[in-house]
């Protein structure tokens, strides 16, 4: 398995919707999604920008089976993620490339 970086640009998503999404993810039993290593989210002038590091694309795709129905339920506009192979990772004293 090769680590991947996943980017979502959720245009129109509010921080309230983002928080509601995580509430629903936890209710679905995914408090710590299997394979999710790092998760970052920031509000932008037109929505939310999300960056994740996953153990593999397969783990992210499996999580999508939980995530997609939640996004639909909350009426969050669909957006296609960008999935890229991770080339370099820096985390404190850990450097991997």
N, C-alpha and C. Protein backbone atom coordinates (compact mmCIF):
# COMPACT_ATOMS: atom_id res chain seq x y z
N UNK A 1 0.84 -1.18 0.00
CA UNK A 1 0.00 0.00 0.00
C UNK A 1 0.88 1.25 0.00
N UNK A 2 0.54 2.18 -0.85
CA UNK A 2 1.27 3.44 -0.93
C UNK A 2 0.39 4.57 -0.41
N UNK A 3 0.98 5.41 0.44
CA UNK A 3 0.23 6.53 0.99
C UNK A 3 -0.21 7.48 -0.12
N UNK A 4 -1.37 8.10 0.11
CA UNK A 4 -1.88 9.08 -0.84
C UNK A 4 -2.30 10.35 -0.10
N UNK A 5 -2.26 11.45 -0.85
CA UNK A 5 -2.81 12.71 -0.36
C UNK A 5 -4.12 12.93 -1.10
N UNK A 6 -5.15 13.26 -0.33
CA UNK A 6 -6.47 13.50 -0.89
C UNK A 6 -6.85 14.95 -0.61
N UNK A 7 -7.28 15.64 -1.66
CA UNK A 7 -7.70 17.03 -1.51
C UNK A 7 -9.14 17.18 -1.97
N UNK A 8 -9.94 17.82 -1.13
CA UNK A 8 -11.31 18.21 -1.48
C UNK A 8 -11.39 19.72 -1.43
N UNK A 9 -12.02 20.32 -2.42
CA UNK A 9 -12.33 21.75 -2.40
C UNK A 9 -13.85 21.85 -2.41
N UNK A 10 -14.43 21.95 -1.21
CA UNK A 10 -15.89 21.98 -1.07
C UNK A 10 -16.38 23.42 -1.19
N UNK A 11 -16.73 23.81 -2.40
CA UNK A 11 -17.25 25.16 -2.63
C UNK A 11 -18.64 25.28 -2.02
N UNK A 12 -18.83 26.33 -1.22
CA UNK A 12 -20.12 26.56 -0.59
C UNK A 12 -20.29 25.89 0.76
N UNK A 13 -19.36 25.03 1.15
CA UNK A 13 -19.46 24.36 2.46
C UNK A 13 -19.10 25.35 3.56
N UNK A 14 -19.89 25.34 4.62
CA UNK A 14 -19.61 26.20 5.78
C UNK A 14 -18.87 25.40 6.85
N UNK A 15 -18.29 26.11 7.81
CA UNK A 15 -17.65 25.40 8.92
C UNK A 15 -18.70 24.64 9.73
N UNK A 16 -19.91 25.16 9.81
CA UNK A 16 -20.99 24.46 10.51
C UNK A 16 -21.29 23.13 9.81
N UNK A 17 -21.39 23.14 8.49
CA UNK A 17 -21.62 21.89 7.75
C UNK A 17 -20.45 20.92 7.94
N UNK A 18 -19.23 21.45 7.94
CA UNK A 18 -18.06 20.59 8.16
C UNK A 18 -18.18 19.89 9.51
N UNK A 19 -18.50 20.66 10.55
CA UNK A 19 -18.64 20.08 11.89
C UNK A 19 -19.79 19.07 11.94
N UNK A 20 -20.89 19.36 11.25
CA UNK A 20 -22.01 18.42 11.19
C UNK A 20 -21.59 17.13 10.50
N UNK A 21 -20.79 17.26 9.47
CA UNK A 21 -20.30 16.09 8.74
C UNK A 21 -19.50 15.18 9.67
N UNK A 22 -18.60 15.76 10.46
CA UNK A 22 -17.81 14.96 11.39
C UNK A 22 -18.69 14.35 12.48
N UNK A 23 -19.72 15.07 12.92
CA UNK A 23 -20.66 14.49 13.89
C UNK A 23 -21.30 13.24 13.31
N UNK A 24 -21.72 13.31 12.05
CA UNK A 24 -22.35 12.16 11.38
C UNK A 24 -21.35 11.02 11.16
N UNK A 25 -20.11 11.36 10.84
CA UNK A 25 -19.08 10.33 10.65
C UNK A 25 -18.88 9.57 11.96
N UNK A 26 -18.84 10.29 13.08
CA UNK A 26 -18.69 9.64 14.39
C UNK A 26 -19.91 8.77 14.71
N UNK A 27 -21.11 9.27 14.41
CA UNK A 27 -22.33 8.49 14.65
C UNK A 27 -22.33 7.20 13.84
N UNK A 28 -21.66 7.22 12.69
CA UNK A 28 -21.56 6.05 11.83
C UNK A 28 -20.48 5.08 12.30
N UNK A 29 -19.86 5.38 13.46
CA UNK A 29 -18.84 4.48 14.01
C UNK A 29 -17.45 4.71 13.47
N UNK A 30 -17.23 5.85 12.84
CA UNK A 30 -15.93 6.14 12.23
C UNK A 30 -15.19 7.25 12.98
N UNK A 31 -15.13 7.14 14.31
CA UNK A 31 -14.44 8.16 15.10
C UNK A 31 -13.00 8.33 14.62
N UNK A 32 -12.35 7.23 14.32
CA UNK A 32 -10.99 7.23 13.77
C UNK A 32 -11.02 6.40 12.48
N UNK A 33 -11.34 7.02 11.35
CA UNK A 33 -11.46 6.25 10.11
C UNK A 33 -10.21 5.41 9.82
N UNK A 34 -10.45 4.15 9.49
CA UNK A 34 -9.38 3.20 9.23
C UNK A 34 -8.52 3.66 8.05
N UNK A 35 -7.26 3.91 8.31
CA UNK A 35 -6.32 4.30 7.27
C UNK A 35 -6.07 5.79 7.16
N UNK A 36 -6.86 6.61 7.87
CA UNK A 36 -6.65 8.06 7.84
C UNK A 36 -5.52 8.41 8.80
N UNK A 37 -4.45 8.98 8.27
CA UNK A 37 -3.28 9.32 9.08
C UNK A 37 -3.30 10.78 9.54
N UNK A 38 -3.67 11.69 8.64
CA UNK A 38 -3.72 13.12 8.96
C UNK A 38 -4.92 13.73 8.26
N UNK A 39 -5.55 14.69 8.92
CA UNK A 39 -6.71 15.38 8.34
C UNK A 39 -6.58 16.86 8.67
N UNK A 40 -6.68 17.70 7.64
CA UNK A 40 -6.58 19.14 7.82
C UNK A 40 -7.73 19.80 7.07
N UNK A 41 -8.34 20.80 7.68
CA UNK A 41 -9.44 21.52 7.04
C UNK A 41 -9.30 23.00 7.34
N UNK A 42 -9.58 23.82 6.34
CA UNK A 42 -9.49 25.27 6.52
C UNK A 42 -10.60 25.94 5.72
N UNK A 43 -11.22 26.96 6.33
CA UNK A 43 -12.21 27.72 5.58
C UNK A 43 -11.52 28.61 4.55
N UNK A 44 -12.16 28.76 3.40
CA UNK A 44 -11.67 29.67 2.37
C UNK A 44 -12.75 30.71 2.10
N UNK A 45 -12.49 31.61 1.20
CA UNK A 45 -13.48 32.65 0.90
C UNK A 45 -14.74 32.09 0.26
N UNK A 46 -14.66 30.86 -0.27
CA UNK A 46 -15.83 30.29 -0.92
C UNK A 46 -16.14 28.85 -0.51
N UNK A 47 -15.68 28.43 0.67
CA UNK A 47 -15.99 27.07 1.12
C UNK A 47 -14.98 26.53 2.10
N UNK A 48 -14.70 25.23 1.96
CA UNK A 48 -13.73 24.55 2.83
C UNK A 48 -12.74 23.79 1.96
N UNK A 49 -11.48 23.86 2.35
CA UNK A 49 -10.42 23.12 1.68
C UNK A 49 -9.94 22.04 2.64
N UNK A 50 -9.93 20.79 2.17
CA UNK A 50 -9.60 19.64 3.00
C UNK A 50 -8.38 18.93 2.41
N UNK A 51 -7.42 18.59 3.26
CA UNK A 51 -6.28 17.76 2.87
C UNK A 51 -6.19 16.59 3.83
N UNK A 52 -6.08 15.40 3.30
CA UNK A 52 -5.91 14.19 4.10
C UNK A 52 -4.67 13.44 3.62
N UNK A 53 -4.08 12.68 4.53
CA UNK A 53 -3.08 11.68 4.18
C UNK A 53 -3.67 10.34 4.59
N UNK A 54 -3.76 9.43 3.63
CA UNK A 54 -4.32 8.09 3.86
C UNK A 54 -3.24 7.04 3.64
N UNK A 55 -3.37 5.92 4.34
CA UNK A 55 -2.43 4.81 4.16
C UNK A 55 -2.43 4.31 2.72
N UNK A 56 -3.58 4.41 2.05
CA UNK A 56 -3.69 3.96 0.66
C UNK A 56 -4.96 4.52 0.04
N UNK A 57 -4.99 4.52 -1.29
CA UNK A 57 -6.20 4.94 -2.00
C UNK A 57 -7.36 4.00 -1.67
N UNK A 58 -7.05 2.73 -1.49
CA UNK A 58 -8.10 1.74 -1.18
C UNK A 58 -8.78 2.05 0.15
N UNK A 59 -8.00 2.45 1.14
CA UNK A 59 -8.59 2.80 2.46
C UNK A 59 -9.47 4.04 2.33
N UNK A 60 -9.01 5.02 1.55
CA UNK A 60 -9.83 6.21 1.34
C UNK A 60 -11.13 5.85 0.62
N UNK A 61 -11.03 5.03 -0.41
CA UNK A 61 -12.22 4.64 -1.17
C UNK A 61 -13.20 3.86 -0.30
N UNK A 62 -12.70 3.04 0.60
CA UNK A 62 -13.59 2.30 1.52
C UNK A 62 -14.31 3.28 2.44
N UNK A 63 -13.62 4.30 2.91
CA UNK A 63 -14.23 5.32 3.76
C UNK A 63 -15.30 6.10 3.00
N UNK A 64 -15.10 6.25 1.71
CA UNK A 64 -16.07 6.95 0.88
C UNK A 64 -17.47 6.36 0.96
N UNK A 65 -17.56 5.06 1.24
CA UNK A 65 -18.87 4.41 1.39
C UNK A 65 -19.62 4.94 2.60
N UNK A 66 -18.89 5.44 3.58
CA UNK A 66 -19.51 6.10 4.74
C UNK A 66 -19.71 7.59 4.46
N UNK A 67 -18.71 8.21 3.86
CA UNK A 67 -18.73 9.66 3.67
C UNK A 67 -19.79 10.14 2.68
N UNK A 68 -19.89 9.50 1.53
CA UNK A 68 -20.77 10.02 0.47
C UNK A 68 -22.23 10.13 0.89
N UNK A 69 -22.81 9.12 1.54
CA UNK A 69 -24.20 9.28 1.99
C UNK A 69 -24.37 10.42 3.01
N UNK A 70 -23.34 10.65 3.81
CA UNK A 70 -23.40 11.75 4.79
C UNK A 70 -23.41 13.09 4.07
N UNK A 71 -22.57 13.25 3.07
CA UNK A 71 -22.54 14.49 2.31
C UNK A 71 -23.89 14.74 1.64
N UNK A 72 -24.50 13.69 1.10
CA UNK A 72 -25.82 13.82 0.48
C UNK A 72 -26.86 14.21 1.51
N UNK A 73 -26.84 13.55 2.66
CA UNK A 73 -27.81 13.84 3.73
C UNK A 73 -27.74 15.31 4.15
N UNK A 74 -26.53 15.85 4.24
CA UNK A 74 -26.33 17.23 4.68
C UNK A 74 -26.45 18.24 3.53
N UNK A 75 -26.75 17.72 2.34
CA UNK A 75 -26.91 18.57 1.15
C UNK A 75 -25.66 19.40 0.84
N UNK A 76 -24.52 18.76 1.03
CA UNK A 76 -23.24 19.39 0.70
C UNK A 76 -22.97 19.11 -0.78
N UNK A 77 -22.71 20.15 -1.57
CA UNK A 77 -22.49 19.95 -3.00
C UNK A 77 -21.38 18.93 -3.27
N UNK A 78 -21.65 18.05 -4.24
CA UNK A 78 -20.66 17.02 -4.59
C UNK A 78 -19.44 17.66 -5.22
N UNK A 79 -18.31 17.11 -4.89
CA UNK A 79 -17.05 17.52 -5.51
C UNK A 79 -16.17 16.29 -5.62
N UNK A 80 -15.41 16.22 -6.66
CA UNK A 80 -14.53 15.07 -6.87
C UNK A 80 -13.20 15.34 -6.18
N UNK A 81 -12.73 14.39 -5.37
CA UNK A 81 -11.44 14.60 -4.72
C UNK A 81 -10.28 14.43 -5.71
N UNK A 82 -9.20 15.10 -5.41
CA UNK A 82 -7.95 14.87 -6.12
C UNK A 82 -7.14 13.90 -5.27
N UNK A 83 -6.73 12.78 -5.85
CA UNK A 83 -5.97 11.76 -5.13
C UNK A 83 -4.60 11.64 -5.80
N UNK A 84 -3.56 11.88 -5.00
CA UNK A 84 -2.20 11.87 -5.52
C UNK A 84 -1.31 10.96 -4.69
N UNK A 85 -0.36 10.26 -5.33
CA UNK A 85 0.59 9.48 -4.54
C UNK A 85 1.46 10.43 -3.71
N UNK A 86 1.64 10.09 -2.46
CA UNK A 86 2.44 10.94 -1.58
C UNK A 86 3.92 10.77 -1.92
N UNK A 87 4.58 11.86 -2.17
CA UNK A 87 6.00 11.83 -2.52
C UNK A 87 6.88 12.14 -1.31
N UNK A 88 6.42 13.02 -0.44
CA UNK A 88 7.26 13.48 0.67
C UNK A 88 6.37 13.78 1.86
N UNK A 89 6.82 13.38 3.03
CA UNK A 89 6.06 13.62 4.25
C UNK A 89 7.00 14.11 5.34
N UNK A 90 6.65 15.22 5.96
CA UNK A 90 7.40 15.74 7.11
C UNK A 90 6.41 15.87 8.25
N UNK A 91 6.76 15.27 9.38
CA UNK A 91 5.89 15.30 10.54
C UNK A 91 6.78 15.33 11.78
N UNK A 92 7.04 16.53 12.29
CA UNK A 92 7.93 16.64 13.45
C UNK A 92 9.31 16.14 13.11
N UNK A 93 9.72 15.08 13.77
CA UNK A 93 11.05 14.51 13.54
C UNK A 93 11.04 13.42 12.47
N UNK A 94 9.88 13.15 11.89
CA UNK A 94 9.75 12.09 10.90
C UNK A 94 9.81 12.67 9.50
N UNK A 95 10.74 12.20 8.69
CA UNK A 95 10.81 12.60 7.29
C UNK A 95 10.81 11.32 6.46
N UNK A 96 9.82 11.22 5.55
CA UNK A 96 9.71 10.04 4.69
C UNK A 96 9.59 10.51 3.25
N UNK A 97 10.41 9.93 2.38
CA UNK A 97 10.24 10.20 0.94
C UNK A 97 10.78 9.06 0.12
